[in-house]
Amino acid sequence: METEFVNIFQHFDFPTALSIISLLAFAWLGKRFWERDKEQTAEALKFRDQFIGYLQQREIEQSGAILENATAAKETASAFKETASALNRFSLVLERLEKFLSIHIEQKV
């Protein structure tokens, strides 16, 4: 490669040879930047795909947790309904007991 640069300076005058070598250097740098950009783009795409996979996995896990919580909330609501019904029945029993006791107390007096 060095001999090519020497040949350029031998065949052309200095300003022209310097321009040619500058253009070759810019082309070489451009090619290097292009290759590096392609590598970084490939790495970024790989990282992006991994991140998307991670997010999808978390979404699945969160959906499962939400489903479990919804089921638990439904069961809790059902238990509260049963408890309220039992309390209502118990209040009826207490009301009957109160009437029964009030009748017996009035009869003794």
PDB file of N, CA and C in Angstrom:
ATOM      1  N   MET A   1       0.824  -1.180   0.000  1.00  0.00           N
ATOM      2  CA  MET A   1       0.000   0.000   0.000  1.00  0.00           C
ATOM      3  C   MET A   1       0.878   1.257   0.000  1.00  0.00           C
ATOM      4  N   GLU A   2       2.001   1.186   0.709  1.00  0.00           N
ATOM      5  CA  GLU A   2       2.902   2.339   0.746  1.00  0.00           C
ATOM      6  C   GLU A   2       3.469   2.647  -0.640  1.00  0.00           C
ATOM      7  N   THR A   3       3.750   1.594  -1.390  1.00  0.00           N
ATOM      8  CA  THR A   3       4.316   1.827  -2.733  1.00  0.00           C
ATOM      9  C   THR A   3       3.301   2.515  -3.627  1.00  0.00           C
ATOM     10  N   GLU A   4       2.003   2.242  -3.408  1.00  0.00           N
ATOM     11  CA  GLU A   4       0.976   2.908  -4.207  1.00  0.00           C
ATOM     12  C   GLU A   4       0.973   4.404  -3.919  1.00  0.00           C
ATOM     13  N   PHE A   5       1.127   4.759  -2.637  1.00  0.00           N
ATOM     14  CA  PHE A   5       1.166   6.176  -2.290  1.00  0.00           C
ATOM     15  C   PHE A   5       2.393   6.850  -2.895  1.00  0.00           C
ATOM     16  N   VAL A   6       3.527   6.126  -2.854  1.00  0.00           N
ATOM     17  CA  VAL A   6       4.754   6.683  -3.442  1.00  0.00           C
ATOM     18  C   VAL A   6       4.563   6.863  -4.944  1.00  0.00           C
ATOM     19  N   ASN A   7       3.929   5.875  -5.594  1.00  0.00           N
ATOM     20  CA  ASN A   7       3.690   5.979  -7.040  1.00  0.00           C
ATOM     21  C   ASN A   7       2.783   7.158  -7.371  1.00  0.00           C
ATOM     22  N   ILE A   8       1.813   7.420  -6.522  1.00  0.00           N
ATOM     23  CA  ILE A   8       0.919   8.556  -6.765  1.00  0.00           C
ATOM     24  C   ILE A   8       1.713   9.856  -6.733  1.00  0.00           C
ATOM     25  N   PHE A   9       2.622   9.981  -5.776  1.00  0.00           N
ATOM     26  CA  PHE A   9       3.419  11.204  -5.689  1.00  0.00           C
ATOM     27  C   PHE A   9       4.417  11.304  -6.842  1.00  0.00           C
ATOM     28  N   GLN A  10       4.847  10.149  -7.370  1.00  0.00           N
ATOM     29  CA  GLN A  10       5.794  10.189  -8.478  1.00  0.00           C
ATOM     30  C   GLN A  10       5.110  10.547  -9.790  1.00  0.00           C
ATOM     31  N   HIS A  11       3.854  10.133  -9.965  1.00  0.00           N
ATOM     32  CA  HIS A  11       3.169  10.359 -11.235  1.00  0.00           C
ATOM     33  C   HIS A  11       2.408  11.680 -11.312  1.00  0.00           C
ATOM     34  N   PHE A  12       2.083  12.251 -10.173  1.00  0.00           N
ATOM     35  CA  PHE A  12       1.311  13.496 -10.158  1.00  0.00           C
ATOM     36  C   PHE A  12       2.091  14.560  -9.413  1.00  0.00           C
ATOM     37  N   ASP A  13       1.720  15.804  -9.680  1.00  0.00           N
ATOM     38  CA  ASP A  13       2.367  16.863  -8.912  1.00  0.00           C
ATOM     39  C   ASP A  13       1.832  16.839  -7.478  1.00  0.00           C
ATOM     40  N   PHE A  14       2.505  17.552  -6.588  1.00  0.00           N
ATOM     41  CA  PHE A  14       2.221  17.434  -5.154  1.00  0.00           C
ATOM     42  C   PHE A  14       0.775  17.768  -4.795  1.00  0.00           C
ATOM     43  N   PRO A  15       0.199  18.879  -5.226  1.00  0.00           N
ATOM     44  CA  PRO A  15      -1.186  19.186  -4.827  1.00  0.00           C
ATOM     45  C   PRO A  15      -2.189  18.121  -5.303  1.00  0.00           C
ATOM     46  N   THR A  16      -2.003  17.609  -6.524  1.00  0.00           N
ATOM     47  CA  THR A  16      -2.917  16.592  -7.048  1.00  0.00           C
ATOM     48  C   THR A  16      -2.758  15.294  -6.259  1.00  0.00           C
ATOM     49  N   ALA A  17      -1.505  14.886  -6.006  1.00  0.00           N
ATOM     50  CA  ALA A  17      -1.252  13.658  -5.249  1.00  0.00           C
ATOM     51  C   ALA A  17      -1.823  13.784  -3.835  1.00  0.00           C
ATOM     52  N   LEU A  18      -1.645  14.945  -3.220  1.00  0.00           N
ATOM     53  CA  LEU A  18      -2.180  15.159  -1.876  1.00  0.00           C
ATOM     54  C   LEU A  18      -3.707  15.081  -1.888  1.00  0.00           C
ATOM     55  N   SER A  19      -4.336  15.620  -2.913  1.00  0.00           N
ATOM     56  CA  SER A  19      -5.796  15.545  -3.039  1.00  0.00           C
ATOM     57  C   SER A  19      -6.251  14.098  -3.200  1.00  0.00           C
ATOM     58  N   ILE A  20      -5.547  13.337  -4.030  1.00  0.00           N
ATOM     59  CA  ILE A  20      -5.905  11.928  -4.252  1.00  0.00           C
ATOM     60  C   ILE A  20      -5.773  11.137  -2.949  1.00  0.00           C
ATOM     61  N   ILE A  21      -4.670  11.337  -2.246  1.00  0.00           N
ATOM     62  CA  ILE A  21      -4.445  10.609  -0.996  1.00  0.00           C
ATOM     63  C   ILE A  21      -5.469  11.041   0.055  1.00  0.00           C
ATOM     64  N   SER A  22      -5.811  12.323   0.085  1.00  0.00           N
ATOM     65  CA  SER A  22      -6.840  12.791   1.020  1.00  0.00           C
ATOM     66  C   SER A  22      -8.175  12.141   0.716  1.00  0.00           C
ATOM     67  N   LEU A  23      -8.527  12.061  -0.568  1.00  0.00           N
ATOM     68  CA  LEU A  23      -9.781  11.401  -0.948  1.00  0.00           C
ATOM     69  C   LEU A  23      -9.763   9.928  -0.572  1.00  0.00           C
ATOM     70  N   LEU A  24      -8.629   9.259  -0.790  1.00  0.00           N
ATOM     71  CA  LEU A  24      -8.517   7.847  -0.414  1.00  0.00           C
ATOM     72  C   LEU A  24      -8.659   7.678   1.112  1.00  0.00           C
ATOM     73  N   ALA A  25      -8.026   8.600   1.855  1.00  0.00           N
ATOM     74  CA  ALA A  25      -8.128   8.529   3.314  1.00  0.00           C
ATOM     75  C   ALA A  25      -9.574   8.752   3.766  1.00  0.00           C
ATOM     76  N   PHE A  26     -10.248   9.727   3.167  1.00  0.00           N
ATOM     77  CA  PHE A  26     -11.655   9.962   3.524  1.00  0.00           C
ATOM     78  C   PHE A  26     -12.523   8.763   3.151  1.00  0.00           C
ATOM     79  N   ALA A  27     -12.228   8.152   2.000  1.00  0.00           N
ATOM     80  CA  ALA A  27     -12.988   6.961   1.599  1.00  0.00           C
ATOM     81  C   ALA A  27     -12.754   5.820   2.592  1.00  0.00           C
ATOM     82  N   TRP A  28     -11.498   5.641   3.002  1.00  0.00           N
ATOM     83  CA  TRP A  28     -11.180   4.583   3.971  1.00  0.00           C
ATOM     84  C   TRP A  28     -11.881   4.849   5.303  1.00  0.00           C
ATOM     85  N   LEU A  29     -11.825   6.110   5.776  1.00  0.00           N
ATOM     86  CA  LEU A  29     -12.510   6.463   7.020  1.00  0.00           C
ATOM     87  C   LEU A  29     -14.027   6.270   6.892  1.00  0.00           C
ATOM     88  N   GLY A  30     -14.561   6.686   5.771  1.00  0.00           N
ATOM     89  CA  GLY A  30     -15.998   6.506   5.542  1.00  0.00           C
ATOM     90  C   GLY A  30     -16.393   5.036   5.576  1.00  0.00           C
ATOM     91  N   LYS A  31     -15.572   4.199   4.960  1.00  0.00           N
ATOM     92  CA  LYS A  31     -15.855   2.763   4.962  1.00  0.00           C
ATOM     93  C   LYS A  31     -15.801   2.209   6.384  1.00  0.00           C
ATOM     94  N   ARG A  32     -14.799   2.634   7.148  1.00  0.00           N
ATOM     95  CA  ARG A  32     -14.673   2.177   8.547  1.00  0.00           C
ATOM     96  C   ARG A  32     -15.891   2.623   9.379  1.00  0.00           C
ATOM     97  N   PHE A  33     -16.284   3.890   9.211  1.00  0.00           N
ATOM     98  CA  PHE A  33     -17.455   4.375   9.937  1.00  0.00           C
ATOM     99  C   PHE A  33     -18.712   3.614   9.525  1.00  0.00           C
ATOM    100  N   TRP A  34     -18.832   3.319   8.238  1.00  0.00           N
ATOM    101  CA  TRP A  34     -19.988   2.566   7.731  1.00  0.00           C
ATOM    102  C   TRP A  34     -20.032   1.167   8.349  1.00  0.00           C
ATOM    103  N   GLU A  35     -18.882   0.485   8.377  1.00  0.00           N
ATOM    104  CA  GLU A  35     -18.824  -0.851   8.964  1.00  0.00           C
ATOM    105  C   GLU A  35     -19.141  -0.809  10.460  1.00  0.00           C
ATOM    106  N   ARG A  36     -18.588   0.174  11.133  1.00  0.00           N
ATOM    107  CA  ARG A  36     -18.830   0.298  12.572  1.00  0.00           C
ATOM    108  C   ARG A  36     -20.299   0.609  12.850  1.00  0.00           C
ATOM    109  N   ASP A  37     -20.886   1.450  12.021  1.00  0.00           N
ATOM    110  CA  ASP A  37     -22.304   1.766  12.178  1.00  0.00           C
ATOM    111  C   ASP A  37     -23.167   0.517  11.973  1.00  0.00           C
ATOM    112  N   LYS A  38     -22.811  -0.296  10.992  1.00  0.00           N
ATOM    113  CA  LYS A  38     -23.565  -1.533  10.757  1.00  0.00           C
ATOM    114  C   LYS A  38     -23.452  -2.471  11.958  1.00  0.00           C
ATOM    115  N   GLU A  39     -22.254  -2.572  12.554  1.00  0.00           N
ATOM    116  CA  GLU A  39     -22.066  -3.418  13.739  1.00  0.00           C
ATOM    117  C   GLU A  39     -22.883  -2.897  14.918  1.00  0.00           C
ATOM    118  N   GLN A  40     -22.835  -1.592  15.139  1.00  0.00           N
ATOM    119  CA  GLN A  40     -23.578  -1.017  16.257  1.00  0.00           C
ATOM    120  C   GLN A  40     -25.083  -1.147  16.045  1.00  0.00           C
ATOM    121  N   THR A  41     -25.518  -1.021  14.806  1.00  0.00           N
ATOM    122  CA  THR A  41     -26.939  -1.193  14.509  1.00  0.00           C
ATOM    123  C   THR A  41     -27.373  -2.626  14.788  1.00  0.00           C
ATOM    124  N   ALA A  42     -26.541  -3.580  14.391  1.00  0.00           N
ATOM    125  CA  ALA A  42     -26.862  -4.985  14.654  1.00  0.00           C
ATOM    126  C   ALA A  42     -26.912  -5.253  16.156  1.00  0.00           C
ATOM    127  N   GLU A  43     -25.976  -4.703  16.916  1.00  0.00           N
ATOM    128  CA  GLU A  43     -25.988  -4.877  18.372  1.00  0.00           C
ATOM    129  C   GLU A  43     -27.217  -4.219  18.993  1.00  0.00           C
ATOM    130  N   ALA A  44     -27.571  -3.045  18.496  1.00  0.00           N
ATOM    131  CA  ALA A  44     -28.748  -2.346  19.025  1.00  0.00           C
ATOM    132  C   ALA A  44     -30.021  -3.131  18.739  1.00  0.00           C
ATOM    133  N   LEU A  45     -30.117  -3.703  17.536  1.00  0.00           N
ATOM    134  CA  LEU A  45     -31.287  -4.517  17.200  1.00  0.00           C
ATOM    135  C   LEU A  45     -31.363  -5.762  18.075  1.00  0.00           C
ATOM    136  N   LYS A  46     -30.205  -6.373  18.318  1.00  0.00           N
ATOM    137  CA  LYS A  46     -30.165  -7.550  19.181  1.00  0.00           C
ATOM    138  C   LYS A  46     -30.622  -7.186  20.591  1.00  0.00           C
ATOM    139  N   PHE A  47     -30.104  -6.077  21.128  1.00  0.00           N
ATOM    140  CA  PHE A  47     -30.501  -5.621  22.456  1.00  0.00           C
ATOM    141  C   PHE A  47     -31.987  -5.282  22.495  1.00  0.00           C
ATOM    142  N   ARG A  48     -32.471  -4.623  21.444  1.00  0.00           N
ATOM    143  CA  ARG A  48     -33.895  -4.272  21.372  1.00  0.00           C
ATOM    144  C   ARG A  48     -34.768  -5.512  21.394  1.00  0.00           C
ATOM    145  N   ASP A  49     -34.375  -6.530  20.623  1.00  0.00           N
ATOM    146  CA  ASP A  49     -35.146  -7.774  20.594  1.00  0.00           C
ATOM    147  C   ASP A  49     -35.148  -8.460  21.956  1.00  0.00           C
ATOM    148  N   GLN A  50     -34.000  -8.439  22.644  1.00  0.00           N
ATOM    149  CA  GLN A  50     -33.949  -9.016  23.987  1.00  0.00           C
ATOM    150  C   GLN A  50     -34.852  -8.237  24.940  1.00  0.00           C
ATOM    151  N   PHE A  51     -34.848  -6.922  24.830  1.00  0.00           N
ATOM    152  CA  PHE A  51     -35.670  -6.095  25.704  1.00  0.00           C
ATOM    153  C   PHE A  51     -37.152  -6.325  25.430  1.00  0.00           C
ATOM    154  N   ILE A  52     -37.508  -6.451  24.161  1.00  0.00           N
ATOM    155  CA  ILE A  52     -38.909  -6.730  23.810  1.00  0.00           C
ATOM    156  C   ILE A  52     -39.323  -8.083  24.372  1.00  0.00           C
ATOM    157  N   GLY A  53     -38.448  -9.073  24.285  1.00  0.00           N
ATOM    158  CA  GLY A  53     -38.741 -10.383  24.870  1.00  0.00           C
ATOM    159  C   GLY A  53     -38.940 -10.297  26.366  1.00  0.00           C
ATOM    160  N   TYR A  54     -38.082  -9.513  27.018  1.00  0.00           N
ATOM    161  CA  TYR A  54     -38.201  -9.313  28.468  1.00  0.00           C
ATOM    162  C   TYR A  54     -39.544  -8.669  28.803  1.00  0.00           C
ATOM    163  N   LEU A  55     -39.915  -7.629  28.054  1.00  0.00           N
ATOM    164  CA  LEU A  55     -41.181  -6.952  28.305  1.00  0.00           C
ATOM    165  C   LEU A  55     -42.371  -7.881  28.062  1.00  0.00           C
ATOM    166  N   GLN A  56     -42.290  -8.706  27.029  1.00  0.00           N
ATOM    167  CA  GLN A  56     -43.372  -9.641  26.767  1.00  0.00           C
ATOM    168  C   GLN A  56     -43.509 -10.652  27.898  1.00  0.00           C
ATOM    169  N   GLN A  57     -42.386 -11.145  28.407  1.00  0.00           N
ATOM    170  CA  GLN A  57     -42.418 -12.092  29.526  1.00  0.00           C
ATOM    171  C   GLN A  57     -43.030 -11.446  30.759  1.00  0.00           C
ATOM    172  N   ARG A  58     -42.633 -10.205  31.050  1.00  0.00           N
ATOM    173  CA  ARG A  58     -43.194  -9.500  32.206  1.00  0.00           C
ATOM    174  C   ARG A  58     -44.689  -9.265  32.030  1.00  0.00           C
ATOM    175  N   GLU A  59     -45.104  -8.978  30.804  1.00  0.00           N
ATOM    176  CA  GLU A  59     -46.529  -8.767  30.524  1.00  0.00           C
ATOM    177  C   GLU A  59     -47.321 -10.046  30.801  1.00  0.00           C
ATOM    178  N   ILE A  60     -46.767 -11.171  30.404  1.00  0.00           N
ATOM    179  CA  ILE A  60     -47.431 -12.451  30.667  1.00  0.00           C
ATOM    180  C   ILE A  60     -47.528 -12.697  32.172  1.00  0.00           C
ATOM    181  N   GLU A  61     -46.434 -12.455  32.885  1.00  0.00           N
ATOM    182  CA  GLU A  61     -46.437 -12.656  34.333  1.00  0.00           C
ATOM    183  C   GLU A  61     -47.411 -11.709  35.022  1.00  0.00           C
ATOM    184  N   GLN A  62     -47.450 -10.458  34.598  1.00  0.00           N
ATOM    185  CA  GLN A  62     -48.366  -9.501  35.208  1.00  0.00           C
ATOM    186  C   GLN A  62     -49.816  -9.856  34.911  1.00  0.00           C
ATOM    187  N   SER A  63     -50.078 -10.318  33.702  1.00  0.00           N
ATOM    188  CA  SER A  63     -51.439 -10.725  33.357  1.00  0.00           C
ATOM    189  C   SER A  63     -51.879 -11.889  34.240  1.00  0.00           C
ATOM    190  N   GLY A  64     -50.975 -12.828  34.478  1.00  0.00           N
ATOM    191  CA  GLY A  64     -51.291 -13.947  35.366  1.00  0.00           C
ATOM    192  C   GLY A  64     -51.563 -13.479  36.784  1.00  0.00           C
ATOM    193  N   ALA A  65     -50.761 -12.547  37.265  1.00  0.00           N
ATOM    194  CA  ALA A  65     -50.953 -12.018  38.619  1.00  0.00           C
ATOM    195  C   ALA A  65     -52.284 -11.267  38.717  1.00  0.00           C
ATOM    196  N   ILE A  66     -52.612 -10.507  37.686  1.00  0.00           N
ATOM    197  CA  ILE A  66     -53.885  -9.775  37.682  1.00  0.00           C
ATOM    198  C   ILE A  66     -55.053 -10.755  37.678  1.00  0.00           C
ATOM    199  N   LEU A  67     -54.937 -11.818  36.906  1.00  0.00           N
ATOM    200  CA  LEU A  67     -55.987 -12.841  36.862  1.00  0.00           C
ATOM    201  C   LEU A  67     -56.148 -13.498  38.232  1.00  0.00           C
ATOM    202  N   GLU A  68     -55.028 -13.819  38.877  1.00  0.00           N
ATOM    203  CA  GLU A  68     -55.093 -14.404  40.224  1.00  0.00           C
ATOM    204  C   GLU A  68     -55.739 -13.430  41.204  1.00  0.00           C
ATOM    205  N   ASN A  69     -55.371 -12.166  41.132  1.00  0.00           N
ATOM    206  CA  ASN A  69     -55.957 -11.165  42.024  1.00  0.00           C
ATOM    207  C   ASN A  69     -57.450 -10.998  41.771  1.00  0.00           C
ATOM    208  N   ALA A  70     -57.843 -11.028  40.507  1.00  0.00           N
ATOM    209  CA  ALA A  70     -59.269 -10.909  40.190  1.00  0.00           C
ATOM    210  C   ALA A  70     -60.039 -12.101  40.745  1.00  0.00           C
ATOM    211  N   THR A  71     -59.476 -13.294  40.626  1.00  0.00           N
ATOM    212  CA  THR A  71     -60.120 -14.491  41.169  1.00  0.00           C
ATOM    213  C   THR A  71     -60.227 -14.398  42.684  1.00  0.00           C
ATOM    214  N   ALA A  72     -59.153 -13.971  43.322  1.00  0.00           N
ATOM    215  CA  ALA A  72     -59.172 -13.815  44.780  1.00  0.00           C
ATOM    216  C   ALA A  72     -60.188 -12.759  45.206  1.00  0.00           C
ATOM    217  N   ALA A  73     -60.276 -11.660  44.469  1.00  0.00           N
ATOM    218  CA  ALA A  73     -61.246 -10.611  44.795  1.00  0.00           C
ATOM    219  C   ALA A  73     -62.672 -11.125  44.641  1.00  0.00           C
ATOM    220  N   LYS A  74     -62.890 -11.931  43.616  1.00  0.00           N
ATOM    221  CA  LYS A  74     -64.215 -12.514  43.406  1.00  0.00           C
ATOM    222  C   LYS A  74     -64.569 -13.448  44.556  1.00  0.00           C
ATOM    223  N   GLU A  75     -63.629 -14.270  44.977  1.00  0.00           N
ATOM    224  CA  GLU A  75     -63.866 -15.171  46.106  1.00  0.00           C
ATOM    225  C   GLU A  75     -64.089 -14.382  47.391  1.00  0.00           C
ATOM    226  N   THR A  76     -63.343 -13.297  47.585  1.00  0.00           N
ATOM    227  CA  THR A  76     -63.521 -12.462  48.765  1.00  0.00           C
ATOM    228  C   THR A  76     -64.908 -11.823  48.768  1.00  0.00           C
ATOM    229  N   ALA A  77     -65.335 -11.334  47.614  1.00  0.00           N
ATOM    230  CA  ALA A  77     -66.668 -10.735  47.511  1.00  0.00           C
ATOM    231  C   ALA A  77     -67.737 -11.769  47.830  1.00  0.00           C
ATOM    232  N   SER A  78     -67.552 -12.978  47.338  1.00  0.00           N
ATOM    233  CA  SER A  78     -68.504 -14.056  47.638  1.00  0.00           C
ATOM    234  C   SER A  78     -68.526 -14.362  49.134  1.00  0.00           C
ATOM    235  N   ALA A  79     -67.348 -14.383  49.757  1.00  0.00           N
ATOM    236  CA  ALA A  79     -67.278 -14.631  51.200  1.00  0.00           C
ATOM    237  C   ALA A  79     -67.944 -13.498  51.972  1.00  0.00           C
ATOM    238  N   PHE A  80     -67.743 -12.250  51.541  1.00  0.00           N
ATOM    239  CA  PHE A  80     -68.401 -11.123  52.200  1.00  0.00           C
ATOM    240  C   PHE A  80     -69.924 -11.227  52.065  1.00  0.00           C
ATOM    241  N   LYS A  81     -70.375 -11.663  50.908  1.00  0.00           N
ATOM    242  CA  LYS A  81     -71.820 -11.820  50.687  1.00  0.00           C
ATOM    243  C   LYS A  81     -72.379 -12.888  51.625  1.00  0.00           C
ATOM    244  N   GLU A  82     -71.667 -13.991  51.740  1.00  0.00           N
ATOM    245  CA  GLU A  82     -72.105 -15.053  52.652  1.00  0.00           C
ATOM    246  C   GLU A  82     -72.083 -14.572  54.099  1.00  0.00           C
ATOM    247  N   THR A  83     -71.064 -13.801  54.464  1.00  0.00           N
ATOM    248  CA  THR A  83     -70.975 -13.266  55.828  1.00  0.00           C
ATOM    249  C   THR A  83     -72.122 -12.304  56.098  1.00  0.00           C
ATOM    250  N   ALA A  84     -72.421 -11.454  55.148  1.00  0.00           N
ATOM    251  CA  ALA A  84     -73.530 -10.509  55.309  1.00  0.00           C
ATOM    252  C   ALA A  84     -74.845 -11.264  55.449  1.00  0.00           C
ATOM    253  N   SER A  85     -75.021 -12.302  54.657  1.00  0.00           N
ATOM    254  CA  SER A  85     -76.232 -13.114  54.753  1.00  0.00           C
ATOM    255  C   SER A  85     -76.330 -13.778  56.128  1.00  0.00           C
ATOM    256  N   ALA A  86     -75.203 -14.312  56.608  1.00  0.00           N
ATOM    257  CA  ALA A  86     -75.197 -14.943  57.933  1.00  0.00           C
ATOM    258  C   ALA A  86     -75.484 -13.922  59.019  1.00  0.00           C
ATOM    259  N   LEU A  87     -74.923 -12.724  58.914  1.00  0.00           N
ATOM    260  CA  LEU A  87     -75.195 -11.675  59.895  1.00  0.00           C
ATOM    261  C   LEU A  87     -76.668 -11.265  59.861  1.00  0.00           C
ATOM    262  N   ASN A  88     -77.228 -11.229  58.690  1.00  0.00           N
ATOM    263  CA  ASN A  88     -78.652 -10.888  58.550  1.00  0.00           C
ATOM    264  C   ASN A  88     -79.518 -11.955  59.233  1.00  0.00           C
ATOM    265  N   ARG A  89     -79.196 -13.222  58.992  1.00  0.00           N
ATOM    266  CA  ARG A  89     -79.936 -14.311  59.650  1.00  0.00           C
ATOM    267  C   ARG A  89     -79.761 -14.237  61.163  1.00  0.00           C
ATOM    268  N   PHE A  90     -78.529 -13.947  61.615  1.00  0.00           N
ATOM    269  CA  PHE A  90     -78.274 -13.854  63.049  1.00  0.00           C
ATOM    270  C   PHE A  90     -79.057 -12.701  63.673  1.00  0.00           C
ATOM    271  N   SER A  91     -79.162 -11.578  62.941  1.00  0.00           N
ATOM    272  CA  SER A  91     -79.943 -10.456  63.470  1.00  0.00           C
ATOM    273  C   SER A  91     -81.418 -10.827  63.575  1.00  0.00           C
ATOM    274  N   LEU A  92     -81.922 -11.640  62.655  1.00  0.00           N
ATOM    275  CA  LEU A  92     -83.306 -12.107  62.753  1.00  0.00           C
ATOM    276  C   LEU A  92     -83.494 -12.986  63.979  1.00  0.00           C
ATOM    277  N   VAL A  93     -82.515 -13.859  64.247  1.00  0.00           N
ATOM    278  CA  VAL A  93     -82.578 -14.718  65.429  1.00  0.00           C
ATOM    279  C   VAL A  93     -82.562 -13.857  66.690  1.00  0.00           C
ATOM    280  N   LEU A  94     -81.686 -12.843  66.711  1.00  0.00           N
ATOM    281  CA  LEU A  94     -81.640 -11.955  67.873  1.00  0.00           C
ATOM    282  C   LEU A  94     -82.949 -11.199  68.042  1.00  0.00           C
ATOM    283  N   GLU A  95     -83.537 -10.774  66.937  1.00  0.00           N
ATOM    284  CA  GLU A  95     -84.819 -10.068  67.002  1.00  0.00           C
ATOM    285  C   GLU A  95     -85.902 -10.978  67.570  1.00  0.00           C
ATOM    286  N   ARG A  96     -85.952 -12.222  67.146  1.00  0.00           N
ATOM    287  CA  ARG A  96     -86.930 -13.178  67.681  1.00  0.00           C
ATOM    288  C   ARG A  96     -86.675 -13.439  69.163  1.00  0.00           C
ATOM    289  N   LEU A  97     -85.388 -13.555  69.503  1.00  0.00           N
ATOM    290  CA  LEU A  97     -85.043 -13.784  70.900  1.00  0.00           C
ATOM    291  C   LEU A  97     -85.466 -12.596  71.760  1.00  0.00           C
ATOM    292  N   GLU A  98     -85.286 -11.400  71.234  1.00  0.00           N
ATOM    293  CA  GLU A  98     -85.689 -10.199  71.957  1.00  0.00           C
ATOM    294  C   GLU A  98     -87.198 -10.186  72.175  1.00  0.00           C
ATOM    295  N   LYS A  99     -87.945 -10.524  71.131  1.00  0.00           N
ATOM    296  CA  LYS A  99     -89.406 -10.577  71.270  1.00  0.00           C
ATOM    297  C   LYS A  99     -89.817 -11.643  72.268  1.00  0.00           C
ATOM    298  N   PHE A 100     -89.165 -12.796  72.169  1.00  0.00           N
ATOM    299  CA  PHE A 100     -89.495 -13.892  73.089  1.00  0.00           C
ATOM    300  C   PHE A 100     -89.219 -13.482  74.524  1.00  0.00           C
ATOM    301  N   LEU A 101     -88.059 -12.873  74.756  1.00  0.00           N
ATOM    302  CA  LEU A 101     -87.714 -12.454  76.111  1.00  0.00           C
ATOM    303  C   LEU A 101     -88.621 -11.337  76.609  1.00  0.00           C
ATOM    304  N   SER A 102     -88.974 -10.410  75.747  1.00  0.00           N
ATOM    305  CA  SER A 102     -89.845  -9.312  76.160  1.00  0.00           C
ATOM    306  C   SER A 102     -91.234  -9.842  76.516  1.00  0.00           C
ATOM    307  N   ILE A 103     -91.698 -10.842  75.804  1.00  0.00           N
ATOM    308  CA  ILE A 103     -92.994 -11.440  76.126  1.00  0.00           C
ATOM    309  C   ILE A 103     -92.940 -12.128  77.474  1.00  0.00           C
ATOM    310  N   HIS A 104     -91.908 -12.875  77.760  1.00  0.00           N
ATOM    311  CA  HIS A 104     -91.765 -13.615  79.006  1.00  0.00           C
ATOM    312  C   HIS A 104     -91.561 -12.660  80.188  1.00  0.00           C
ATOM    313  N   ILE A 105     -90.860 -11.557  79.941  1.00  0.00           N
ATOM    314  CA  ILE A 105     -90.637 -10.593  81.026  1.00  0.00           C
ATOM    315  C   ILE A 105     -91.954  -9.884  81.339  1.00  0.00           C
ATOM    316  N   GLU A 106     -92.740  -9.560  80.331  1.00  0.00           N
ATOM    317  CA  GLU A 106     -94.023  -8.897  80.537  1.00  0.00           C
ATOM    318  C   GLU A 106     -94.996  -9.829  81.263  1.00  0.00           C
ATOM    319  N   GLN A 107     -94.935 -11.111  80.971  1.00  0.00           N
ATOM    320  CA  GLN A 107     -95.841 -12.046  81.617  1.00  0.00           C
ATOM    321  C   GLN A 107     -95.479 -12.205  83.096  1.00  0.00           C
ATOM    322  N   LYS A 108     -94.237 -12.103  83.456  1.00  0.00           N
ATOM    323  CA  LYS A 108     -93.825 -12.242  84.844  1.00  0.00           C
ATOM    324  C   LYS A 108     -94.158 -10.982  85.636  1.00  0.00           C
ATOM    325  N   VAL A 109     -94.222  -9.886  85.013  1.00  0.00           N
ATOM    326  CA  VAL A 109     -94.472  -8.637  85.722  1.00  0.00           C
ATOM    327  C   VAL A 109     -95.915  -8.438  85.949  1.00  0.00           C
TER     328      VAL A 109
END
